[in-house]
């Protein structure tokens, strides 16, 4: 097992690549590429209530650095323009354990890996059994009001998370939805001042 800087070993890393080249009878140019990297770790608080979850937050930094780097290598040579994050907590843990690992500490690692980003990072957490499915929301990394980039990636994790594990997930995408046409702020109009417009 790979040891993280905060002492929370990564047991497994899962990766996913989804490339859309055609949608609704039209070519997607350039293709929409979405990638996800997932770290499976043991949950030190499975089966018991602990008030202070800060050790999970601290551990998320090193875990995030590793899986974000892996995800962006999968995306290369394309650049990430949108992102999202998620966690599935095994059934002996709490949903809050996943939230503790997706705070600003993890978010800042995601932003840094993508070369910056001003927008709040969409997220999803849940409890689940091995083989759980999760929808990870995506939004533009610099402006939440860019409707064309409201999207998501659906993952099914083989044999994870087990009851005493947590799956931490980082997702990046290269562009907005194929054939988007519901208006709103376009990516070319982003001001990048506040993460909204």
Protein backbone atom coordinates (compact mmCIF):
# COMPACT_ATOMS: atom_id res chain seq x y z
CA UNK A 1 0.00 0.00 0.00
CA UNK A 2 1.24 3.50 -0.86
CA UNK A 3 1.67 5.60 2.27
CA UNK A 4 0.33 9.16 2.13
CA UNK A 5 2.04 12.00 3.93
CA UNK A 6 -0.65 12.03 6.61
CA UNK A 7 -0.31 8.31 7.30
CA UNK A 8 -3.45 7.07 5.52
CA UNK A 9 -2.38 4.35 3.09
CA UNK A 10 -4.01 4.12 -0.32
CA UNK A 11 -5.08 0.49 -0.83
CA UNK A 12 -6.22 0.71 -4.45
CA UNK A 13 -6.43 3.29 -7.21
CA UNK A 14 -9.11 2.98 -9.87
CA UNK A 15 -9.16 5.08 -13.06
CA UNK A 16 -11.86 5.81 -15.63
CA UNK A 17 -11.78 7.50 -19.05
CA UNK A 18 -14.94 8.44 -20.98
CA UNK A 19 -14.50 9.98 -24.45
CA UNK A 20 -17.56 11.14 -26.41
CA UNK A 21 -16.92 11.52 -30.15
CA UNK A 22 -20.52 11.57 -31.36
CA UNK A 23 -23.77 12.53 -29.65
CA UNK A 24 -27.33 12.91 -30.90
CA UNK A 25 -26.31 12.18 -34.47
CA UNK A 26 -23.64 14.88 -34.53
CA UNK A 27 -19.86 14.70 -34.31
CA UNK A 28 -18.42 16.10 -31.09
CA UNK A 29 -15.45 18.27 -32.07
CA UNK A 30 -13.30 18.36 -30.12
CA UNK A 31 -14.33 15.16 -28.31
CA UNK A 32 -15.54 15.50 -24.74
CA UNK A 33 -13.10 13.67 -22.48
CA UNK A 34 -13.87 12.97 -18.83
CA UNK A 35 -11.49 11.25 -16.44
CA UNK A 36 -11.78 10.06 -12.86
CA UNK A 37 -9.23 8.74 -10.41
CA UNK A 38 -10.38 7.03 -7.23
CA UNK A 39 -8.40 6.27 -4.08
CA UNK A 40 -9.63 3.47 -1.83
CA UNK A 41 -8.51 3.88 1.79
CA UNK A 42 -9.36 2.28 5.12
CA UNK A 43 -11.75 4.33 7.23
CA UNK A 44 -10.17 4.74 10.68
CA UNK A 45 -13.53 5.76 12.15
CA UNK A 46 -15.67 2.94 10.74
CA UNK A 47 -18.06 1.56 13.32
CA UNK A 48 -17.65 4.33 15.88
CA UNK A 49 -18.65 7.96 16.33
CA UNK A 50 -15.73 10.39 16.54
CA UNK A 51 -16.31 14.11 17.00
CA UNK A 52 -13.03 15.35 15.50
CA UNK A 53 -12.63 14.38 11.84
CA UNK A 54 -9.71 16.70 11.13
CA UNK A 55 -7.30 13.80 10.58
CA UNK A 56 -9.38 12.78 7.53
CA UNK A 57 -9.18 16.33 6.20
CA UNK A 58 -5.41 16.43 6.68
CA UNK A 59 -4.98 13.06 4.95
CA UNK A 60 -7.02 14.24 1.97
CA UNK A 61 -4.25 16.58 0.82
CA UNK A 62 -1.70 13.86 0.04
CA UNK A 63 -4.36 11.52 -1.32
CA UNK A 64 -5.69 14.31 -3.52
CA UNK A 65 -2.24 15.13 -4.90
CA UNK A 66 -1.75 11.55 -5.99
CA UNK A 67 -5.11 10.92 -7.62
CA UNK A 68 -5.38 14.37 -9.24
CA UNK A 69 -1.98 13.87 -10.87
CA UNK A 70 -3.09 10.47 -12.16
CA UNK A 71 -6.36 11.86 -13.52
CA UNK A 72 -4.64 14.69 -15.36
CA UNK A 73 -2.09 12.30 -16.88
CA UNK A 74 -5.05 10.37 -18.30
CA UNK A 75 -6.46 13.60 -19.72
CA UNK A 76 -3.19 14.68 -21.39
CA UNK A 77 -2.50 16.29 -23.74
CA UNK A 78 -5.87 18.01 -23.17
CA UNK A 79 -6.40 20.54 -20.40
CA UNK A 80 -9.05 20.32 -17.69
CA UNK A 81 -11.71 23.03 -17.90
CA UNK A 82 -14.25 21.57 -15.49
CA UNK A 83 -14.11 19.47 -12.37
CA UNK A 84 -16.01 17.68 -9.64
CA UNK A 85 -15.33 15.59 -6.55
CA UNK A 86 -17.05 12.82 -4.64
CA UNK A 87 -16.73 10.18 -1.95
CA UNK A 88 -18.48 6.90 -1.21
CA UNK A 89 -18.20 5.73 2.38
CA UNK A 90 -18.53 2.04 3.18
CA UNK A 91 -21.55 0.98 5.19
CA UNK A 92 -19.73 0.92 8.55
CA UNK A 93 -18.84 4.58 8.18
CA UNK A 94 -20.74 7.88 8.05
CA UNK A 95 -21.44 10.11 5.07
CA UNK A 96 -19.69 12.83 7.09
CA UNK A 97 -16.40 10.92 6.81
CA UNK A 98 -16.54 11.45 3.04
CA UNK A 99 -17.37 15.14 3.46
CA UNK A 100 -14.37 15.53 5.77
CA UNK A 101 -12.14 14.35 2.93
CA UNK A 102 -13.62 16.75 0.35
CA UNK A 103 -13.16 20.09 2.10
CA UNK A 104 -11.21 23.09 0.82
CA UNK A 105 -7.99 21.17 1.54
CA UNK A 106 -8.86 18.60 -1.15
CA UNK A 107 -10.44 21.25 -3.38
CA UNK A 108 -7.31 23.39 -3.40
CA UNK A 109 -5.27 20.37 -4.50
CA UNK A 110 -7.72 19.82 -7.38
CA UNK A 111 -7.44 23.48 -8.42
CA UNK A 112 -3.66 23.48 -8.22
CA UNK A 113 -3.40 20.29 -10.29
CA UNK A 114 -5.62 21.83 -13.00
CA UNK A 115 -3.48 24.95 -13.20
CA UNK A 116 -5.88 27.05 -11.17
CA UNK A 117 -9.61 27.47 -10.79
CA UNK A 118 -11.79 30.08 -9.11
CA UNK A 119 -15.11 28.28 -8.92
CA UNK A 120 -16.54 26.26 -6.06
CA UNK A 121 -16.13 22.55 -6.87
CA UNK A 122 -19.36 20.58 -7.19
CA UNK A 123 -19.45 17.45 -5.05
CA UNK A 124 -21.44 14.41 -4.00
CA UNK A 125 -21.07 12.07 -1.02
CA UNK A 126 -23.00 8.98 0.03
CA UNK A 127 -22.74 5.69 1.87
CA UNK A 128 -22.65 2.60 -0.29
CA UNK A 129 -21.76 -1.07 -0.58
CA UNK A 130 -19.19 -2.61 -2.94
CA UNK A 131 -20.22 -2.01 -6.53
CA UNK A 132 -21.86 1.29 -5.60
CA UNK A 133 -22.73 3.76 -8.34
CA UNK A 134 -22.30 7.51 -7.95
CA UNK A 135 -23.00 10.56 -10.13
CA UNK A 136 -20.28 13.20 -9.78
CA UNK A 137 -21.43 16.68 -10.82
CA UNK A 138 -19.17 18.81 -13.01
CA UNK A 139 -19.01 22.58 -13.50
CA UNK A 140 -16.56 25.00 -15.14
CA UNK A 141 -13.47 25.48 -13.01
CA UNK A 142 -13.50 29.27 -13.24
CA UNK A 143 -17.17 30.30 -13.40
CA UNK A 144 -20.20 28.47 -12.04
CA UNK A 145 -22.59 30.46 -14.25
CA UNK A 146 -21.33 28.77 -17.42
CA UNK A 147 -24.34 26.51 -18.03
CA UNK A 148 -22.72 24.63 -20.92
CA UNK A 149 -20.41 22.89 -18.45
CA UNK A 150 -23.10 21.61 -16.08
CA UNK A 151 -22.51 17.92 -16.56
CA UNK A 152 -21.47 14.83 -14.64
CA UNK A 153 -19.72 11.49 -14.71
CA UNK A 154 -21.30 8.27 -13.48
CA UNK A 155 -19.01 5.67 -11.93
CA UNK A 156 -19.54 2.15 -10.67
CA UNK A 157 -16.74 1.00 -8.37
CA UNK A 158 -15.85 -2.69 -8.67
CA UNK A 159 -15.61 -4.35 -5.25
CA UNK A 160 -15.44 -0.99 -3.45
CA UNK A 161 -15.93 0.48 -1.02
CA UNK A 162 -15.97 -2.37 1.45
CA UNK A 163 -17.73 -1.67 4.77
CA UNK A 164 -14.64 -0.20 6.45
CA UNK A 165 -13.35 1.78 3.45
CA UNK A 166 -13.78 5.19 1.83
CA UNK A 167 -13.53 5.88 -1.90
CA UNK A 168 -12.29 9.41 -2.69
CA UNK A 169 -12.90 10.58 -6.27
CA UNK A 170 -11.49 13.39 -8.44
CA UNK A 171 -13.05 14.08 -11.86
CA UNK A 172 -11.94 16.42 -14.66
CA UNK A 173 -13.36 17.16 -18.12
CA UNK A 174 -12.08 18.93 -21.22
CA UNK A 175 -15.16 20.85 -22.37
CA UNK A 176 -18.86 21.42 -21.89
CA UNK A 177 -21.73 19.15 -22.88
CA UNK A 178 -22.06 18.17 -26.53
CA UNK A 179 -24.71 20.23 -28.35
CA UNK A 180 -25.32 22.57 -25.39
CA UNK A 181 -27.78 25.32 -26.33
CA UNK A 182 -29.58 26.64 -23.25
CA UNK A 183 -27.87 30.03 -23.23
CA UNK A 184 -26.25 31.77 -20.32
CA UNK A 185 -22.67 32.91 -19.90
CA UNK A 186 -20.33 31.35 -22.46
CA UNK A 187 -16.87 30.07 -21.55
CA UNK A 188 -15.35 32.79 -23.76
CA UNK A 189 -17.07 35.49 -21.65
CA UNK A 190 -15.67 34.39 -18.27
CA UNK A 191 -14.29 37.30 -16.23
CA UNK A 192 -12.73 35.04 -13.60
CA UNK A 193 -13.23 37.49 -10.75
CA UNK A 194 -15.27 35.60 -8.18
CA UNK A 195 -15.79 32.04 -9.38
CA UNK A 196 -19.31 32.84 -10.56
CA UNK A 197 -18.91 34.83 -13.80
